[in-house]
Amino acid sequence: MVDRQKRVRGQGGFTLIEIIAVLVILGILAIVAIPKYFDMQDTARKRAAQSLVGSAMSQLSLSYSQSLLNTDYTFDPANECKNVVVSNGSEATTLTCTGKGTDATVSVEANVGGQTVSATWKNPSVTASESNAS
């Protein structure tokens, strides 16, 4: 019976010091990890906006190429940007293209969750004729 009491006493849980040490370590990890998590969210939103702008630029180039190959096809930048799929779950996402007809430049702007990225698409034929004229 004495052996049994010794075994039961030796099987205690963690000491208060051990629990406090673990909580301190978890607190330090939380202090370091939480700001990094929010930075990663902002970076992800910016990358999503960049990919949306890249997608719109590709759509403009493809549509312009199609208008060169198919004389029945009219190139309209504002209409072409509507063909870019804009869906990002619950994030507020917008894509704006400004430029009409066969303008030399089209401004493309994307906003994903407050992160805004913009770029300019240049019409290759207008750009080429401008450089030949000079």
N, C-alpha and C. Protein backbone atom coordinates (compact mmCIF):
# COMPACT_ATOMS: atom_id res chain seq x y z
N MET A 1 0.81 -1.18 0.00
CA MET A 1 0.00 0.00 0.00
C MET A 1 0.86 1.26 0.00
N VAL A 2 2.00 1.22 0.63
CA VAL A 2 2.90 2.37 0.65
C VAL A 2 3.44 2.64 -0.74
N ASP A 3 3.75 1.59 -1.52
CA ASP A 3 4.24 1.77 -2.88
C ASP A 3 3.18 2.45 -3.76
N ARG A 4 1.95 2.08 -3.53
CA ARG A 4 0.88 2.65 -4.34
C ARG A 4 0.71 4.15 -4.06
N GLN A 5 0.83 4.58 -2.83
CA GLN A 5 0.72 6.00 -2.48
C GLN A 5 1.89 6.78 -3.07
N LYS A 6 3.08 6.21 -3.10
CA LYS A 6 4.24 6.89 -3.67
C LYS A 6 4.03 7.10 -5.17
N ARG A 7 3.49 6.11 -5.86
CA ARG A 7 3.27 6.23 -7.29
C ARG A 7 2.21 7.30 -7.59
N VAL A 8 1.17 7.38 -6.82
CA VAL A 8 0.11 8.36 -7.05
C VAL A 8 0.65 9.77 -6.82
N ARG A 9 1.45 9.99 -5.79
CA ARG A 9 2.01 11.31 -5.51
C ARG A 9 3.00 11.73 -6.61
N GLY A 10 3.73 10.81 -7.17
CA GLY A 10 4.72 11.12 -8.20
C GLY A 10 4.09 11.42 -9.55
N GLN A 11 2.80 11.18 -9.70
CA GLN A 11 2.15 11.39 -11.00
C GLN A 11 1.34 12.69 -11.00
N GLY A 12 1.90 13.74 -10.50
CA GLY A 12 1.21 15.04 -10.51
C GLY A 12 1.25 15.64 -11.90
N GLY A 13 0.58 16.78 -12.10
CA GLY A 13 0.56 17.45 -13.40
C GLY A 13 1.74 18.39 -13.54
N PHE A 14 1.54 19.41 -14.34
CA PHE A 14 2.59 20.41 -14.52
C PHE A 14 2.64 21.31 -13.30
N THR A 15 3.81 21.84 -13.06
CA THR A 15 3.92 22.80 -11.95
C THR A 15 3.47 24.16 -12.46
N LEU A 16 3.19 25.04 -11.55
CA LEU A 16 2.74 26.38 -11.90
C LEU A 16 3.82 27.11 -12.72
N ILE A 17 5.06 26.93 -12.39
CA ILE A 17 6.17 27.57 -13.12
C ILE A 17 6.19 27.08 -14.57
N GLU A 18 6.00 25.79 -14.79
CA GLU A 18 6.00 25.25 -16.16
C GLU A 18 4.85 25.82 -16.98
N ILE A 19 3.68 25.93 -16.39
CA ILE A 19 2.52 26.47 -17.10
C ILE A 19 2.75 27.94 -17.45
N ILE A 20 3.30 28.71 -16.52
CA ILE A 20 3.58 30.12 -16.78
C ILE A 20 4.62 30.27 -17.89
N ALA A 21 5.63 29.41 -17.89
CA ALA A 21 6.67 29.47 -18.93
C ALA A 21 6.06 29.20 -20.30
N VAL A 22 5.18 28.22 -20.39
CA VAL A 22 4.53 27.91 -21.67
C VAL A 22 3.66 29.08 -22.11
N LEU A 23 2.92 29.69 -21.21
CA LEU A 23 2.07 30.82 -21.56
C LEU A 23 2.90 32.02 -22.02
N VAL A 24 4.03 32.25 -21.39
CA VAL A 24 4.91 33.35 -21.81
C VAL A 24 5.43 33.09 -23.23
N ILE A 25 5.85 31.87 -23.49
CA ILE A 25 6.35 31.52 -24.82
C ILE A 25 5.25 31.68 -25.87
N LEU A 26 4.04 31.22 -25.57
CA LEU A 26 2.92 31.39 -26.50
C LEU A 26 2.59 32.86 -26.72
N GLY A 27 2.67 33.66 -25.68
CA GLY A 27 2.43 35.10 -25.81
C GLY A 27 3.45 35.77 -26.71
N ILE A 28 4.71 35.41 -26.57
CA ILE A 28 5.77 35.97 -27.43
C ILE A 28 5.54 35.56 -28.88
N LEU A 29 5.19 34.32 -29.10
CA LEU A 29 4.91 33.86 -30.47
C LEU A 29 3.73 34.62 -31.07
N ALA A 30 2.70 34.86 -30.28
CA ALA A 30 1.53 35.58 -30.77
C ALA A 30 1.89 37.02 -31.12
N ILE A 31 2.73 37.65 -30.31
CA ILE A 31 3.14 39.03 -30.57
C ILE A 31 3.90 39.13 -31.88
N VAL A 32 4.69 38.14 -32.19
CA VAL A 32 5.48 38.14 -33.44
C VAL A 32 4.63 37.70 -34.62
N ALA A 33 3.78 36.73 -34.45
CA ALA A 33 3.06 36.12 -35.58
C ALA A 33 1.88 36.95 -36.07
N ILE A 34 1.15 37.60 -35.20
CA ILE A 34 -0.06 38.32 -35.62
C ILE A 34 0.25 39.47 -36.58
N PRO A 35 1.22 40.34 -36.31
CA PRO A 35 1.53 41.39 -37.30
C PRO A 35 2.02 40.81 -38.63
N LYS A 36 2.76 39.74 -38.58
CA LYS A 36 3.23 39.11 -39.81
C LYS A 36 2.05 38.58 -40.63
N TYR A 37 1.06 38.05 -39.95
CA TYR A 37 -0.15 37.55 -40.63
C TYR A 37 -0.87 38.68 -41.37
N PHE A 38 -1.02 39.84 -40.71
CA PHE A 38 -1.69 40.96 -41.35
C PHE A 38 -0.87 41.50 -42.51
N ASP A 39 0.46 41.50 -42.40
CA ASP A 39 1.32 41.91 -43.52
C ASP A 39 1.14 40.96 -44.70
N MET A 40 1.03 39.68 -44.42
CA MET A 40 0.83 38.71 -45.49
C MET A 40 -0.52 38.92 -46.17
N GLN A 41 -1.53 39.31 -45.42
CA GLN A 41 -2.84 39.58 -46.01
C GLN A 41 -2.77 40.76 -46.97
N ASP A 42 -2.09 41.84 -46.56
CA ASP A 42 -1.94 43.00 -47.43
C ASP A 42 -1.15 42.65 -48.69
N THR A 43 -0.10 41.86 -48.52
CA THR A 43 0.70 41.44 -49.68
C THR A 43 -0.15 40.60 -50.62
N ALA A 44 -0.96 39.72 -50.08
CA ALA A 44 -1.82 38.87 -50.91
C ALA A 44 -2.84 39.72 -51.68
N ARG A 45 -3.39 40.75 -51.04
CA ARG A 45 -4.34 41.62 -51.73
C ARG A 45 -3.66 42.38 -52.87
N LYS A 46 -2.44 42.85 -52.61
CA LYS A 46 -1.71 43.57 -53.66
C LYS A 46 -1.39 42.64 -54.82
N ARG A 47 -0.96 41.43 -54.54
CA ARG A 47 -0.67 40.46 -55.61
C ARG A 47 -1.94 40.11 -56.39
N ALA A 48 -3.07 40.02 -55.70
CA ALA A 48 -4.33 39.74 -56.40
C ALA A 48 -4.68 40.89 -57.33
N ALA A 49 -4.47 42.13 -56.89
CA ALA A 49 -4.73 43.29 -57.74
C ALA A 49 -3.78 43.29 -58.94
N GLN A 50 -2.50 42.94 -58.71
CA GLN A 50 -1.54 42.88 -59.81
C GLN A 50 -1.94 41.82 -60.83
N SER A 51 -2.40 40.68 -60.36
CA SER A 51 -2.81 39.63 -61.29
C SER A 51 -4.06 40.04 -62.07
N LEU A 52 -4.94 40.79 -61.44
CA LEU A 52 -6.13 41.27 -62.13
C LEU A 52 -5.76 42.28 -63.22
N VAL A 53 -4.81 43.16 -62.92
CA VAL A 53 -4.33 44.11 -63.93
C VAL A 53 -3.66 43.35 -65.07
N GLY A 54 -2.85 42.36 -64.74
CA GLY A 54 -2.20 41.55 -65.78
C GLY A 54 -3.20 40.83 -66.65
N SER A 55 -4.25 40.33 -66.05
CA SER A 55 -5.29 39.65 -66.80
C SER A 55 -5.99 40.62 -67.76
N ALA A 56 -6.27 41.82 -67.29
CA ALA A 56 -6.91 42.83 -68.15
C ALA A 56 -5.98 43.23 -69.29
N MET A 57 -4.70 43.38 -69.00
CA MET A 57 -3.73 43.74 -70.05
C MET A 57 -3.67 42.63 -71.11
N SER A 58 -3.68 41.39 -70.68
CA SER A 58 -3.67 40.27 -71.62
C SER A 58 -4.94 40.25 -72.47
N GLN A 59 -6.07 40.49 -71.82
CA GLN A 59 -7.34 40.53 -72.54
C GLN A 59 -7.33 41.63 -73.59
N LEU A 60 -6.78 42.79 -73.26
CA LEU A 60 -6.70 43.89 -74.22
C LEU A 60 -5.82 43.51 -75.41
N SER A 61 -4.68 42.90 -75.13
CA SER A 61 -3.78 42.50 -76.22
C SER A 61 -4.40 41.43 -77.11
N LEU A 62 -5.06 40.45 -76.49
CA LEU A 62 -5.71 39.40 -77.27
C LEU A 62 -6.85 39.96 -78.13
N SER A 63 -7.61 40.86 -77.57
CA SER A 63 -8.72 41.45 -78.32
C SER A 63 -8.21 42.32 -79.45
N TYR A 64 -7.14 43.04 -79.19
CA TYR A 64 -6.57 43.86 -80.25
C TYR A 64 -6.06 42.97 -81.38
N SER A 65 -5.42 41.86 -81.04
CA SER A 65 -4.95 40.91 -82.05
C SER A 65 -6.12 40.34 -82.84
N GLN A 66 -7.19 40.03 -82.14
CA GLN A 66 -8.38 39.50 -82.82
C GLN A 66 -8.96 40.54 -83.78
N SER A 67 -8.91 41.81 -83.40
CA SER A 67 -9.44 42.85 -84.29
C SER A 67 -8.56 43.00 -85.54
N LEU A 68 -7.27 42.70 -85.44
CA LEU A 68 -6.40 42.75 -86.62
C LEU A 68 -6.67 41.59 -87.56
N LEU A 69 -6.97 40.44 -86.98
CA LEU A 69 -7.21 39.24 -87.79
C LEU A 69 -8.62 39.18 -88.36
N ASN A 70 -9.56 39.74 -87.65
CA ASN A 70 -10.97 39.66 -88.05
C ASN A 70 -11.49 41.07 -88.29
N THR A 71 -11.73 41.41 -89.53
CA THR A 71 -12.16 42.77 -89.85
C THR A 71 -13.56 43.08 -89.33
N ASP A 72 -14.34 42.05 -89.03
CA ASP A 72 -15.69 42.27 -88.49
C ASP A 72 -15.68 42.60 -86.99
N TYR A 73 -14.54 42.41 -86.36
CA TYR A 73 -14.44 42.60 -84.91
C TYR A 73 -13.97 44.02 -84.62
N THR A 74 -14.71 44.73 -83.77
CA THR A 74 -14.34 46.09 -83.40
C THR A 74 -13.69 46.07 -82.02
N PHE A 75 -12.52 46.65 -81.93
CA PHE A 75 -11.78 46.69 -80.67
C PHE A 75 -12.31 47.84 -79.82
N ASP A 76 -12.83 47.51 -78.63
CA ASP A 76 -13.32 48.51 -77.69
C ASP A 76 -12.76 48.16 -76.31
N PRO A 77 -11.75 48.90 -75.84
CA PRO A 77 -11.08 48.56 -74.57
C PRO A 77 -12.02 48.47 -73.38
N ALA A 78 -12.93 49.42 -73.26
CA ALA A 78 -13.84 49.39 -72.10
C ALA A 78 -14.69 48.14 -72.10
N ASN A 79 -15.12 47.71 -73.27
CA ASN A 79 -15.92 46.50 -73.38
C ASN A 79 -15.08 45.26 -73.10
N GLU A 80 -13.83 45.28 -73.53
CA GLU A 80 -12.95 44.11 -73.33
C GLU A 80 -12.65 43.88 -71.86
N CYS A 81 -12.54 44.95 -71.08
CA CYS A 81 -12.28 44.77 -69.65
C CYS A 81 -13.44 44.09 -68.95
N LYS A 82 -14.63 44.20 -69.53
CA LYS A 82 -15.79 43.52 -68.95
C LYS A 82 -15.67 42.01 -69.09
N ASN A 83 -14.83 41.56 -70.01
CA ASN A 83 -14.64 40.12 -70.22
C ASN A 83 -13.71 39.49 -69.18
N VAL A 84 -13.02 40.32 -68.43
CA VAL A 84 -12.12 39.80 -67.39
C VAL A 84 -12.96 39.41 -66.19
N VAL A 85 -12.78 38.19 -65.72
CA VAL A 85 -13.56 37.69 -64.58
C VAL A 85 -13.02 38.32 -63.29
N VAL A 86 -13.89 39.02 -62.60
CA VAL A 86 -13.51 39.69 -61.35
C VAL A 86 -14.30 39.04 -60.23
N SER A 87 -13.66 38.13 -59.50
CA SER A 87 -14.31 37.54 -58.33
C SER A 87 -13.22 37.21 -57.33
N ASN A 88 -13.44 37.66 -56.13
CA ASN A 88 -12.44 37.46 -55.09
C ASN A 88 -13.11 37.15 -53.75
N GLY A 89 -14.13 36.34 -53.80
CA GLY A 89 -14.79 35.96 -52.56
C GLY A 89 -15.45 37.15 -51.90
N SER A 90 -15.10 37.39 -50.65
CA SER A 90 -15.73 38.46 -49.88
C SER A 90 -15.01 39.79 -50.00
N GLU A 91 -13.84 39.83 -50.65
CA GLU A 91 -13.09 41.08 -50.79
C GLU A 91 -13.76 42.00 -51.78
N ALA A 92 -13.74 43.29 -51.50
CA ALA A 92 -14.25 44.29 -52.45
C ALA A 92 -13.24 44.39 -53.59
N THR A 93 -13.66 44.03 -54.80
CA THR A 93 -12.75 43.99 -55.95
C THR A 93 -13.36 44.76 -57.11
N THR A 94 -12.57 45.68 -57.68
CA THR A 94 -13.04 46.42 -58.84
C THR A 94 -11.94 46.46 -59.89
N LEU A 95 -12.36 46.52 -61.15
CA LEU A 95 -11.44 46.65 -62.29
C LEU A 95 -11.99 47.75 -63.17
N THR A 96 -11.16 48.75 -63.46
CA THR A 96 -11.58 49.88 -64.26
C THR A 96 -10.64 50.07 -65.44
N CYS A 97 -11.20 50.18 -66.63
CA CYS A 97 -10.41 50.48 -67.83
C CYS A 97 -10.96 51.75 -68.44
N THR A 98 -10.07 52.70 -68.75
CA THR A 98 -10.49 53.93 -69.40
C THR A 98 -9.73 54.08 -70.71
N GLY A 99 -10.44 54.29 -71.78
CA GLY A 99 -9.89 54.42 -73.12
C GLY A 99 -10.95 53.95 -74.08
N LYS A 100 -11.08 54.62 -75.22
CA LYS A 100 -12.14 54.26 -76.15
C LYS A 100 -11.57 54.02 -77.54
N GLY A 101 -12.29 53.25 -78.30
CA GLY A 101 -11.87 53.00 -79.68
C GLY A 101 -10.49 52.41 -79.75
N THR A 102 -9.70 52.95 -80.63
CA THR A 102 -8.32 52.44 -80.79
C THR A 102 -7.33 53.45 -80.22
N ASP A 103 -7.63 53.96 -79.04
CA ASP A 103 -6.72 54.91 -78.38
C ASP A 103 -5.33 54.32 -78.26
N ALA A 104 -4.35 55.19 -78.18
CA ALA A 104 -2.97 54.74 -78.04
C ALA A 104 -2.74 54.11 -76.67
N THR A 105 -3.44 54.59 -75.66
CA THR A 105 -3.24 54.06 -74.32
C THR A 105 -4.57 53.78 -73.64
N VAL A 106 -4.56 52.80 -72.79
CA VAL A 106 -5.72 52.46 -71.97
C VAL A 106 -5.23 52.34 -70.54
N SER A 107 -5.83 53.06 -69.63
CA SER A 107 -5.47 52.97 -68.22
C SER A 107 -6.27 51.86 -67.57
N VAL A 108 -5.57 50.99 -66.87
CA VAL A 108 -6.20 49.85 -66.20
C VAL A 108 -5.90 49.99 -64.71
N GLU A 109 -6.94 49.91 -63.89
CA GLU A 109 -6.76 50.02 -62.44
C GLU A 109 -7.57 48.94 -61.75
N ALA A 110 -6.94 48.27 -60.79
CA ALA A 110 -7.63 47.23 -60.02
C ALA A 110 -7.51 47.57 -58.53
N ASN A 111 -8.58 47.33 -57.80
CA ASN A 111 -8.59 47.55 -56.37
C ASN A 111 -9.11 46.29 -55.70
N VAL A 112 -8.27 45.70 -54.86
CA VAL A 112 -8.65 44.48 -54.14
C VAL A 112 -8.48 44.75 -52.65
N GLY A 113 -9.58 44.83 -51.94
CA GLY A 113 -9.54 45.02 -50.50
C GLY A 113 -8.75 46.25 -50.06
N GLY A 114 -8.82 47.32 -50.83
CA GLY A 114 -8.11 48.55 -50.47
C GLY A 114 -6.72 48.67 -51.08
N GLN A 115 -6.21 47.62 -51.67
CA GLN A 115 -4.90 47.67 -52.35
C GLN A 115 -5.14 47.99 -53.83
N THR A 116 -4.61 49.11 -54.31
CA THR A 116 -4.83 49.55 -55.68
C THR A 116 -3.57 49.41 -56.50
N VAL A 117 -3.72 48.87 -57.71
CA VAL A 117 -2.62 48.73 -58.66
C VAL A 117 -3.11 49.25 -60.00
N SER A 118 -2.26 49.99 -60.69
CA SER A 118 -2.66 50.50 -62.00
C SER A 118 -1.54 50.30 -63.01
N ALA A 119 -1.92 50.29 -64.29
CA ALA A 119 -0.97 50.12 -65.38
C ALA A 119 -1.55 50.76 -66.62
N THR A 120 -0.73 50.88 -67.65
CA THR A 120 -1.18 51.47 -68.91
C THR A 120 -0.88 50.51 -70.04
N TRP A 121 -1.92 50.20 -70.83
CA TRP A 121 -1.75 49.37 -72.02
C TRP A 121 -1.61 50.29 -73.21
N LYS A 122 -0.61 50.07 -74.02
CA LYS A 122 -0.37 50.90 -75.20
C LYS A 122 -0.74 50.12 -76.45
N ASN A 123 -1.50 50.75 -77.31
CA ASN A 123 -1.90 50.14 -78.58
C ASN A 123 -0.65 49.99 -79.45
N PRO A 124 -0.28 48.77 -79.84
CA PRO A 124 0.96 48.56 -80.58
C PRO A 124 1.01 49.30 -81.91
N SER A 125 -0.10 49.37 -82.65
CA SER A 125 -0.05 50.02 -83.97
C SER A 125 0.11 51.52 -83.84
N VAL A 126 -0.55 52.13 -82.87
CA VAL A 126 -0.42 53.57 -82.67
C VAL A 126 0.98 53.89 -82.15
N THR A 127 1.48 53.08 -81.22
CA THR A 127 2.82 53.29 -80.68
C THR A 127 3.85 53.13 -81.77
N ALA A 128 3.69 52.15 -82.66
CA ALA A 128 4.65 51.91 -83.75
C ALA A 128 4.63 53.06 -84.74
N SER A 129 3.43 53.57 -85.07
CA SER A 129 3.36 54.67 -86.03
C SER A 129 3.92 55.96 -85.44
N GLU A 130 3.77 56.15 -84.12
CA GLU A 130 4.35 57.33 -83.47
C GLU A 130 5.88 57.27 -83.51
N SER A 131 6.44 56.07 -83.27
CA SER A 131 7.90 55.95 -83.27
C SER A 131 8.47 56.05 -84.69
N ASN A 132 7.69 55.64 -85.72
CA ASN A 132 8.14 55.77 -87.10
C ASN A 132 8.10 57.21 -87.57
N ALA A 133 7.16 57.99 -87.02
CA ALA A 133 7.02 59.39 -87.41
C ALA A 133 8.16 60.23 -86.88
N SER A 134 8.77 59.83 -85.78
CA SER A 134 9.83 60.64 -85.19
C SER A 134 11.19 60.32 -85.74
